[in-house]
């Protein structure tokens, strides 16, 4: 699944290069929103609510294409977030 990371990052970069109206999704999300959702998913994991946590992690992954970022540093953070969430899902499923 790591190959998906580069596809999502490319989409984000493409939106940035397309300009404010040409590449931003109609319903945009902010990186901070996804990070807050990640913290909730972590809490569910530590509470042993694995299925709920997996659902939250999956929701985060599906939200990445709707992400609107302002800088290349944010793109790097999104890449890390995606890899982290994808890895956590893999670990939970292998239990």
PDB file of N, CA and C in Angstrom:
ATOM      1  N   UNK A   1       0.783  -1.204   0.000  1.00  0.00           N
ATOM      2  CA  UNK A   1       0.000   0.000   0.000  1.00  0.00           C
ATOM      3  C   UNK A   1       0.831   1.278   0.000  1.00  0.00           C
ATOM      4  N   UNK A   2       2.116   1.241   0.316  1.00  0.00           N
ATOM      5  CA  UNK A   2       2.882   2.483   0.308  1.00  0.00           C
ATOM      6  C   UNK A   2       2.863   3.202  -1.031  1.00  0.00           C
ATOM      7  N   UNK A   3       2.579   2.495  -2.121  1.00  0.00           N
ATOM      8  CA  UNK A   3       2.545   3.170  -3.412  1.00  0.00           C
ATOM      9  C   UNK A   3       1.418   4.190  -3.480  1.00  0.00           C
ATOM     10  N   UNK A   4       0.400   4.028  -2.661  1.00  0.00           N
ATOM     11  CA  UNK A   4      -0.703   4.984  -2.649  1.00  0.00           C
ATOM     12  C   UNK A   4      -0.272   6.350  -2.123  1.00  0.00           C
ATOM     13  N   UNK A   5       0.723   6.372  -1.275  1.00  0.00           N
ATOM     14  CA  UNK A   5       1.176   7.622  -0.681  1.00  0.00           C
ATOM     15  C   UNK A   5       1.581   8.620  -1.753  1.00  0.00           C
ATOM     16  N   UNK A   6       2.381   8.191  -2.690  1.00  0.00           N
ATOM     17  CA  UNK A   6       2.848   9.111  -3.718  1.00  0.00           C
ATOM     18  C   UNK A   6       1.703   9.613  -4.578  1.00  0.00           C
ATOM     19  N   UNK A   7       0.686   8.798  -4.798  1.00  0.00           N
ATOM     20  CA  UNK A   7      -0.464   9.235  -5.579  1.00  0.00           C
ATOM     21  C   UNK A   7      -1.207  10.353  -4.867  1.00  0.00           C
ATOM     22  N   UNK A   8      -1.427  10.212  -3.562  1.00  0.00           N
ATOM     23  CA  UNK A   8      -2.126  11.243  -2.815  1.00  0.00           C
ATOM     24  C   UNK A   8      -1.319  12.531  -2.766  1.00  0.00           C
ATOM     25  N   UNK A   9      -0.026  12.414  -2.536  1.00  0.00           N
ATOM     26  CA  UNK A   9       0.812  13.600  -2.493  1.00  0.00           C
ATOM     27  C   UNK A   9       0.814  14.296  -3.843  1.00  0.00           C
ATOM     28  N   UNK A  10       0.842  13.525  -4.925  1.00  0.00           N
ATOM     29  CA  UNK A  10       0.810  14.130  -6.251  1.00  0.00           C
ATOM     30  C   UNK A  10      -0.483  14.901  -6.448  1.00  0.00           C
ATOM     31  N   UNK A  11      -1.608  14.339  -5.988  1.00  0.00           N
ATOM     32  CA  UNK A  11      -2.885  15.039  -6.132  1.00  0.00           C
ATOM     33  C   UNK A  11      -2.867  16.359  -5.375  1.00  0.00           C
ATOM     34  N   UNK A  12      -2.292  16.356  -4.195  1.00  0.00           N
ATOM     35  CA  UNK A  12      -2.231  17.571  -3.398  1.00  0.00           C
ATOM     36  C   UNK A  12      -1.341  18.608  -4.082  1.00  0.00           C
ATOM     37  N   UNK A  13      -0.194  18.191  -4.561  1.00  0.00           N
ATOM     38  CA  UNK A  13       0.700  19.104  -5.251  1.00  0.00           C
ATOM     39  C   UNK A  13       0.010  19.655  -6.495  1.00  0.00           C
ATOM     40  N   UNK A  14      -0.672  18.794  -7.234  1.00  0.00           N
ATOM     41  CA  UNK A  14      -1.361  19.221  -8.446  1.00  0.00           C
ATOM     42  C   UNK A  14      -2.400  20.288  -8.103  1.00  0.00           C
ATOM     43  N   UNK A  15      -3.123  20.126  -7.041  1.00  0.00           N
ATOM     44  CA  UNK A  15      -4.126  21.119  -6.654  1.00  0.00           C
ATOM     45  C   UNK A  15      -3.461  22.451  -6.340  1.00  0.00           C
ATOM     46  N   UNK A  16      -2.350  22.400  -5.682  1.00  0.00           N
ATOM     47  CA  UNK A  16      -1.634  23.626  -5.333  1.00  0.00           C
ATOM     48  C   UNK A  16      -1.169  24.342  -6.594  1.00  0.00           C
ATOM     49  N   UNK A  17      -0.654  23.584  -7.530  1.00  0.00           N
ATOM     50  CA  UNK A  17      -0.158  24.179  -8.763  1.00  0.00           C
ATOM     51  C   UNK A  17      -1.297  24.683  -9.645  1.00  0.00           C
ATOM     52  N   UNK A  18      -2.483  24.109  -9.489  1.00  0.00           N
ATOM     53  CA  UNK A  18      -3.611  24.492 -10.342  1.00  0.00           C
ATOM     54  C   UNK A  18      -4.206  25.841  -9.947  1.00  0.00           C
ATOM     55  N   UNK A  19      -3.857  26.330  -8.790  1.00  0.00           N
ATOM     56  CA  UNK A  19      -4.381  27.623  -8.361  1.00  0.00           C
ATOM     57  C   UNK A  19      -5.560  27.464  -7.424  1.00  0.00           C
ATOM     58  N   UNK A  20      -6.006  28.583  -6.895  1.00  0.00           N
ATOM     59  CA  UNK A  20      -7.043  28.581  -5.871  1.00  0.00           C
ATOM     60  C   UNK A  20      -8.369  28.009  -6.372  1.00  0.00           C
ATOM     61  N   UNK A  21      -8.749  28.297  -7.603  1.00  0.00           N
ATOM     62  CA  UNK A  21     -10.034  27.816  -8.093  1.00  0.00           C
ATOM     63  C   UNK A  21      -9.920  26.574  -8.952  1.00  0.00           C
ATOM     64  N   UNK A  22      -8.774  26.342  -9.529  1.00  0.00           N
ATOM     65  CA  UNK A  22      -8.632  25.242 -10.463  1.00  0.00           C
ATOM     66  C   UNK A  22      -8.411  23.886  -9.838  1.00  0.00           C
ATOM     67  N   UNK A  23      -7.932  23.821  -8.598  1.00  0.00           N
ATOM     68  CA  UNK A  23      -7.584  22.521  -8.082  1.00  0.00           C
ATOM     69  C   UNK A  23      -8.054  22.211  -6.690  1.00  0.00           C
ATOM     70  N   UNK A  24      -8.764  23.086  -6.039  1.00  0.00           N
ATOM     71  CA  UNK A  24      -9.206  22.851  -4.673  1.00  0.00           C
ATOM     72  C   UNK A  24     -10.544  22.120  -4.706  1.00  0.00           C
ATOM     73  N   UNK A  25     -10.683  21.041  -3.916  1.00  0.00           N
ATOM     74  CA  UNK A  25     -11.950  20.321  -3.900  1.00  0.00           C
ATOM     75  C   UNK A  25     -13.073  21.195  -3.344  1.00  0.00           C
ATOM     76  N   UNK A  26     -14.290  20.884  -3.728  1.00  0.00           N
ATOM     77  CA  UNK A  26     -15.450  21.652  -3.272  1.00  0.00           C
ATOM     78  C   UNK A  26     -15.588  21.604  -1.750  1.00  0.00           C
ATOM     79  N   UNK A  27     -15.286  20.459  -1.171  1.00  0.00           N
ATOM     80  CA  UNK A  27     -15.340  20.306   0.280  1.00  0.00           C
ATOM     81  C   UNK A  27     -13.918  20.040   0.742  1.00  0.00           C
ATOM     82  N   UNK A  28     -13.225  21.070   1.170  1.00  0.00           N
ATOM     83  CA  UNK A  28     -11.840  20.918   1.581  1.00  0.00           C
ATOM     84  C   UNK A  28     -11.711  20.616   3.053  1.00  0.00           C
ATOM     85  N   UNK A  29     -10.622  19.958   3.408  1.00  0.00           N
ATOM     86  CA  UNK A  29     -10.306  19.667   4.802  1.00  0.00           C
ATOM     87  C   UNK A  29      -8.951  20.272   5.110  1.00  0.00           C
ATOM     88  N   UNK A  30      -8.744  20.577   6.350  1.00  0.00           N
ATOM     89  CA  UNK A  30      -7.470  21.115   6.816  1.00  0.00           C
ATOM     90  C   UNK A  30      -6.667  20.015   7.496  1.00  0.00           C
ATOM     91  N   UNK A  31      -5.364  20.146   7.436  1.00  0.00           N
ATOM     92  CA  UNK A  31      -4.468  19.165   8.042  1.00  0.00           C
ATOM     93  C   UNK A  31      -4.737  19.035   9.538  1.00  0.00           C
ATOM     94  N   UNK A  32      -4.985  20.137  10.219  1.00  0.00           N
ATOM     95  CA  UNK A  32      -5.254  20.091  11.661  1.00  0.00           C
ATOM     96  C   UNK A  32      -6.489  19.255  11.991  1.00  0.00           C
ATOM     97  N   UNK A  33      -7.497  19.293  11.106  1.00  0.00           N
ATOM     98  CA  UNK A  33      -8.689  18.476  11.320  1.00  0.00           C
ATOM     99  C   UNK A  33      -8.346  16.993  11.305  1.00  0.00           C
ATOM    100  N   UNK A  34      -7.509  16.601  10.354  1.00  0.00           N
ATOM    101  CA  UNK A  34      -7.122  15.194  10.274  1.00  0.00           C
ATOM    102  C   UNK A  34      -6.259  14.782  11.461  1.00  0.00           C
ATOM    103  N   UNK A  35      -5.415  15.681  11.914  1.00  0.00           N
ATOM    104  CA  UNK A  35      -4.574  15.370  13.080  1.00  0.00           C
ATOM    105  C   UNK A  35      -5.437  15.179  14.319  1.00  0.00           C
ATOM    106  N   UNK A  36      -6.469  15.994  14.486  1.00  0.00           N
ATOM    107  CA  UNK A  36      -7.377  15.825  15.621  1.00  0.00           C
ATOM    108  C   UNK A  36      -8.114  14.489  15.530  1.00  0.00           C
ATOM    109  N   UNK A  37      -8.531  14.126  14.330  1.00  0.00           N
ATOM    110  CA  UNK A  37      -9.200  12.841  14.138  1.00  0.00           C
ATOM    111  C   UNK A  37      -8.249  11.687  14.419  1.00  0.00           C
ATOM    112  N   UNK A  38      -6.973  11.865  14.097  1.00  0.00           N
ATOM    113  CA  UNK A  38      -5.961  10.854  14.377  1.00  0.00           C
ATOM    114  C   UNK A  38      -5.809  10.656  15.882  1.00  0.00           C
ATOM    115  N   UNK A  39      -5.833  11.736  16.642  1.00  0.00           N
ATOM    116  CA  UNK A  39      -5.713  11.637  18.098  1.00  0.00           C
ATOM    117  C   UNK A  39      -6.885  10.855  18.697  1.00  0.00           C
ATOM    118  N   UNK A  40      -8.072  11.074  18.173  1.00  0.00           N
ATOM    119  CA  UNK A  40      -9.243  10.324  18.638  1.00  0.00           C
ATOM    120  C   UNK A  40      -9.075   8.842  18.315  1.00  0.00           C
ATOM    121  N   UNK A  41      -8.585   8.550  17.117  1.00  0.00           N
ATOM    122  CA  UNK A  41      -8.370   7.157  16.722  1.00  0.00           C
ATOM    123  C   UNK A  41      -7.320   6.492  17.616  1.00  0.00           C
ATOM    124  N   UNK A  42      -6.269   7.225  17.981  1.00  0.00           N
ATOM    125  CA  UNK A  42      -5.268   6.700  18.915  1.00  0.00           C
ATOM    126  C   UNK A  42      -5.913   6.340  20.246  1.00  0.00           C
ATOM    127  N   UNK A  43      -6.758   7.233  20.747  1.00  0.00           N
ATOM    128  CA  UNK A  43      -7.421   6.980  22.027  1.00  0.00           C
ATOM    129  C   UNK A  43      -8.278   5.723  21.957  1.00  0.00           C
ATOM    130  N   UNK A  44      -8.986   5.535  20.862  1.00  0.00           N
ATOM    131  CA  UNK A  44      -9.792   4.327  20.702  1.00  0.00           C
ATOM    132  C   UNK A  44      -8.920   3.084  20.708  1.00  0.00           C
ATOM    133  N   UNK A  45      -7.738   3.184  20.103  1.00  0.00           N
ATOM    134  CA  UNK A  45      -6.815   2.047  20.074  1.00  0.00           C
ATOM    135  C   UNK A  45      -6.340   1.712  21.475  1.00  0.00           C
ATOM    136  N   UNK A  46      -5.955   2.723  22.239  1.00  0.00           N
ATOM    137  CA  UNK A  46      -5.464   2.462  23.597  1.00  0.00           C
ATOM    138  C   UNK A  46      -6.569   1.970  24.517  1.00  0.00           C
ATOM    139  N   UNK A  47      -7.820   2.268  24.176  1.00  0.00           N
ATOM    140  CA  UNK A  47      -8.957   1.780  24.965  1.00  0.00           C
ATOM    141  C   UNK A  47      -9.373   0.375  24.540  1.00  0.00           C
ATOM    142  N   UNK A  48      -8.720  -0.160  23.515  1.00  0.00           N
ATOM    143  CA  UNK A  48      -9.029  -1.503  23.058  1.00  0.00           C
ATOM    144  C   UNK A  48     -10.206  -1.580  22.105  1.00  0.00           C
ATOM    145  N   UNK A  49     -10.676  -0.460  21.623  1.00  0.00           N
ATOM    146  CA  UNK A  49     -11.803  -0.416  20.683  1.00  0.00           C
ATOM    147  C   UNK A  49     -11.243  -0.433  19.264  1.00  0.00           C
ATOM    148  N   UNK A  50     -10.718  -1.588  18.881  1.00  0.00           N
ATOM    149  CA  UNK A  50      -9.956  -1.693  17.646  1.00  0.00           C
ATOM    150  C   UNK A  50     -10.792  -1.478  16.386  1.00  0.00           C
ATOM    151  N   UNK A  51     -11.987  -2.032  16.344  1.00  0.00           N
ATOM    152  CA  UNK A  51     -12.796  -1.863  15.135  1.00  0.00           C
ATOM    153  C   UNK A  51     -13.180  -0.397  14.930  1.00  0.00           C
ATOM    154  N   UNK A  52     -13.533   0.277  16.008  1.00  0.00           N
ATOM    155  CA  UNK A  52     -13.845   1.707  15.903  1.00  0.00           C
ATOM    156  C   UNK A  52     -12.611   2.493  15.460  1.00  0.00           C
ATOM    157  N   UNK A  53     -11.453   2.102  15.990  1.00  0.00           N
ATOM    158  CA  UNK A  53     -10.206   2.779  15.621  1.00  0.00           C
ATOM    159  C   UNK A  53      -9.902   2.565  14.142  1.00  0.00           C
ATOM    160  N   UNK A  54     -10.071   1.342  13.655  1.00  0.00           N
ATOM    161  CA  UNK A  54      -9.826   1.054  12.242  1.00  0.00           C
ATOM    162  C   UNK A  54     -10.768   1.883  11.371  1.00  0.00           C
ATOM    163  N   UNK A  55     -12.017   1.988  11.782  1.00  0.00           N
ATOM    164  CA  UNK A  55     -12.972   2.803  11.023  1.00  0.00           C
ATOM    165  C   UNK A  55     -12.525   4.265  10.966  1.00  0.00           C
ATOM    166  N   UNK A  56     -12.032   4.776  12.082  1.00  0.00           N
ATOM    167  CA  UNK A  56     -11.537   6.162  12.114  1.00  0.00           C
ATOM    168  C   UNK A  56     -10.302   6.331  11.241  1.00  0.00           C
ATOM    169  N   UNK A  57      -9.376   5.365  11.330  1.00  0.00           N
ATOM    170  CA  UNK A  57      -8.172   5.441  10.510  1.00  0.00           C
ATOM    171  C   UNK A  57      -8.522   5.399   9.022  1.00  0.00           C
ATOM    172  N   UNK A  58      -9.451   4.520   8.680  1.00  0.00           N
ATOM    173  CA  UNK A  58      -9.873   4.424   7.277  1.00  0.00           C
ATOM    174  C   UNK A  58     -10.509   5.738   6.816  1.00  0.00           C
ATOM    175  N   UNK A  59     -11.297   6.338   7.666  1.00  0.00           N
ATOM    176  CA  UNK A  59     -11.921   7.622   7.348  1.00  0.00           C
ATOM    177  C   UNK A  59     -10.859   8.697   7.108  1.00  0.00           C
ATOM    178  N   UNK A  60      -9.817   8.673   7.903  1.00  0.00           N
ATOM    179  CA  UNK A  60      -8.718   9.631   7.725  1.00  0.00           C
ATOM    180  C   UNK A  60      -8.060   9.418   6.366  1.00  0.00           C
ATOM    181  N   UNK A  61      -7.783   8.166   6.036  1.00  0.00           N
ATOM    182  CA  UNK A  61      -7.145   7.867   4.749  1.00  0.00           C
ATOM    183  C   UNK A  61      -8.011   8.322   3.578  1.00  0.00           C
ATOM    184  N   UNK A  62      -9.306   8.119   3.698  1.00  0.00           N
ATOM    185  CA  UNK A  62     -10.212   8.514   2.621  1.00  0.00           C
ATOM    186  C   UNK A  62     -10.376  10.028   2.520  1.00  0.00           C
ATOM    187  N   UNK A  63     -10.025  10.733   3.572  1.00  0.00           N
ATOM    188  CA  UNK A  63     -10.135  12.191   3.576  1.00  0.00           C
ATOM    189  C   UNK A  63      -8.924  12.890   2.973  1.00  0.00           C
ATOM    190  N   UNK A  64      -7.832  12.167   2.813  1.00  0.00           N
ATOM    191  CA  UNK A  64      -6.608  12.773   2.298  1.00  0.00           C
ATOM    192  C   UNK A  64      -6.812  13.457   0.941  1.00  0.00           C
ATOM    193  N   UNK A  65      -7.543  12.856  -0.012  1.00  0.00           N
ATOM    194  CA  UNK A  65      -7.719  13.553  -1.294  1.00  0.00           C
ATOM    195  C   UNK A  65      -8.497  14.873  -1.191  1.00  0.00           C
ATOM    196  N   UNK A  66      -9.220  15.064  -0.100  1.00  0.00           N
ATOM    197  CA  UNK A  66      -9.976  16.300   0.092  1.00  0.00           C
ATOM    198  C   UNK A  66      -9.175  17.358   0.838  1.00  0.00           C
ATOM    199  N   UNK A  67      -7.937  17.041   1.138  1.00  0.00           N
ATOM    200  CA  UNK A  67      -7.103  17.913   1.942  1.00  0.00           C
ATOM    201  C   UNK A  67      -6.609  19.114   1.146  1.00  0.00           C
ATOM    202  N   UNK A  68      -6.704  20.265   1.758  1.00  0.00           N
ATOM    203  CA  UNK A  68      -6.197  21.502   1.162  1.00  0.00           C
ATOM    204  C   UNK A  68      -5.017  21.953   2.010  1.00  0.00           C
ATOM    205  N   UNK A  69      -3.855  22.084   1.372  1.00  0.00           N
ATOM    206  CA  UNK A  69      -2.645  22.489   2.087  1.00  0.00           C
ATOM    207  C   UNK A  69      -2.106  23.779   1.498  1.00  0.00           C
ATOM    208  N   UNK A  70      -1.301  24.474   2.299  1.00  0.00           N
ATOM    209  CA  UNK A  70      -0.779  25.776   1.896  1.00  0.00           C
ATOM    210  C   UNK A  70       0.711  25.784   1.606  1.00  0.00           C
ATOM    211  N   UNK A  71       1.420  24.735   2.021  1.00  0.00           N
ATOM    212  CA  UNK A  71       2.870  24.769   1.847  1.00  0.00           C
ATOM    213  C   UNK A  71       3.411  23.371   1.562  1.00  0.00           C
ATOM    214  N   UNK A  72       4.650  23.331   1.122  1.00  0.00           N
ATOM    215  CA  UNK A  72       5.306  22.050   0.874  1.00  0.00           C
ATOM    216  C   UNK A  72       5.544  21.305   2.178  1.00  0.00           C
ATOM    217  N   UNK A  73       5.728  22.033   3.258  1.00  0.00           N
ATOM    218  CA  UNK A  73       5.892  21.390   4.559  1.00  0.00           C
ATOM    219  C   UNK A  73       4.616  20.629   4.934  1.00  0.00           C
ATOM    220  N   UNK A  74       3.458  21.210   4.639  1.00  0.00           N
ATOM    221  CA  UNK A  74       2.195  20.525   4.890  1.00  0.00           C
ATOM    222  C   UNK A  74       2.092  19.249   4.060  1.00  0.00           C
ATOM    223  N   UNK A  75       2.581  19.288   2.847  1.00  0.00           N
ATOM    224  CA  UNK A  75       2.561  18.098   1.993  1.00  0.00           C
ATOM    225  C   UNK A  75       3.407  16.997   2.616  1.00  0.00           C
ATOM    226  N   UNK A  76       4.548  17.371   3.162  1.00  0.00           N
ATOM    227  CA  UNK A  76       5.400  16.400   3.848  1.00  0.00           C
ATOM    228  C   UNK A  76       4.675  15.811   5.048  1.00  0.00           C
ATOM    229  N   UNK A  77       3.974  16.656   5.798  1.00  0.00           N
ATOM    230  CA  UNK A  77       3.218  16.193   6.961  1.00  0.00           C
ATOM    231  C   UNK A  77       2.097  15.239   6.544  1.00  0.00           C
ATOM    232  N   UNK A  78       1.431  15.539   5.455  1.00  0.00           N
ATOM    233  CA  UNK A  78       0.366  14.668   4.952  1.00  0.00           C
ATOM    234  C   UNK A  78       0.949  13.310   4.570  1.00  0.00           C
ATOM    235  N   UNK A  79       2.085  13.319   3.935  1.00  0.00           N
ATOM    236  CA  UNK A  79       2.749  12.077   3.556  1.00  0.00           C
ATOM    237  C   UNK A  79       3.047  11.236   4.794  1.00  0.00           C
ATOM    238  N   UNK A  80       3.573  11.864   5.836  1.00  0.00           N
ATOM    239  CA  UNK A  80       3.860  11.161   7.089  1.00  0.00           C
ATOM    240  C   UNK A  80       2.579  10.637   7.721  1.00  0.00           C
ATOM    241  N   UNK A  81       1.541  11.475   7.727  1.00  0.00           N
ATOM    242  CA  UNK A  81       0.255  11.089   8.305  1.00  0.00           C
ATOM    243  C   UNK A  81      -0.304   9.867   7.595  1.00  0.00           C
ATOM    244  N   UNK A  82      -0.260   9.884   6.276  1.00  0.00           N
ATOM    245  CA  UNK A  82      -0.795   8.775   5.499  1.00  0.00           C
ATOM    246  C   UNK A  82      -0.035   7.492   5.794  1.00  0.00           C
ATOM    247  N   UNK A  83       1.283   7.560   5.807  1.00  0.00           N
ATOM    248  CA  UNK A  83       2.094   6.373   6.093  1.00  0.00           C
ATOM    249  C   UNK A  83       1.816   5.855   7.496  1.00  0.00           C
ATOM    250  N   UNK A  84       1.697   6.761   8.451  1.00  0.00           N
ATOM    251  CA  UNK A  84       1.442   6.374   9.834  1.00  0.00           C
ATOM    252  C   UNK A  84       0.099   5.667   9.970  1.00  0.00           C
ATOM    253  N   UNK A  85      -0.938   6.268   9.433  1.00  0.00           N
ATOM    254  CA  UNK A  85      -2.275   5.694   9.543  1.00  0.00           C
ATOM    255  C   UNK A  85      -2.357   4.369   8.807  1.00  0.00           C
ATOM    256  N   UNK A  86      -1.765   4.282   7.649  1.00  0.00           N
ATOM    257  CA  UNK A  86      -1.759   3.047   6.886  1.00  0.00           C
ATOM    258  C   UNK A  86      -1.032   1.944   7.659  1.00  0.00           C
ATOM    259  N   UNK A  87       0.093   2.281   8.271  1.00  0.00           N
ATOM    260  CA  UNK A  87       0.846   1.312   9.067  1.00  0.00           C
ATOM    261  C   UNK A  87       0.091   0.853  10.296  1.00  0.00           C
ATOM    262  N   UNK A  88      -0.590   1.779  10.945  1.00  0.00           N
ATOM    263  CA  UNK A  88      -1.365   1.422  12.138  1.00  0.00           C
ATOM    264  C   UNK A  88      -2.502   0.479  11.763  1.00  0.00           C
ATOM    265  N   UNK A  89      -3.181   0.775  10.661  1.00  0.00           N
ATOM    266  CA  UNK A  89      -4.247  -0.120  10.209  1.00  0.00           C
ATOM    267  C   UNK A  89      -3.711  -1.519   9.955  1.00  0.00           C
ATOM    268  N   UNK A  90      -2.569  -1.598   9.321  1.00  0.00           N
ATOM    269  CA  UNK A  90      -1.954  -2.895   9.024  1.00  0.00           C
ATOM    270  C   UNK A  90      -1.675  -3.647  10.323  1.00  0.00           C
ATOM    271  N   UNK A  91      -1.127  -2.961  11.308  1.00  0.00           N
ATOM    272  CA  UNK A  91      -0.807  -3.589  12.591  1.00  0.00           C
ATOM    273  C   UNK A  91      -2.063  -4.084  13.295  1.00  0.00           C
ATOM    274  N   UNK A  92      -3.115  -3.298  13.275  1.00  0.00           N
ATOM    275  CA  UNK A  92      -4.350  -3.687  13.947  1.00  0.00           C
ATOM    276  C   UNK A  92      -4.961  -4.910  13.265  1.00  0.00           C
ATOM    277  N   UNK A  93      -4.945  -4.927  11.935  1.00  0.00           N
ATOM    278  CA  UNK A  93      -5.504  -6.069  11.212  1.00  0.00           C
ATOM    279  C   UNK A  93      -4.702  -7.333  11.420  1.00  0.00           C
ATOM    280  N   UNK A  94      -3.425  -7.218  11.723  1.00  0.00           N
ATOM    281  CA  UNK A  94      -2.598  -8.404  11.895  1.00  0.00           C
ATOM    282  C   UNK A  94      -2.693  -8.977  13.311  1.00  0.00           C
ATOM    283  N   UNK A  95      -3.453  -8.340  14.195  1.00  0.00           N
ATOM    284  CA  UNK A  95      -3.622  -8.858  15.559  1.00  0.00           C
ATOM    285  C   UNK A  95      -4.476 -10.095  15.583  1.00  0.00           C
TER     286      UNK A  95
END
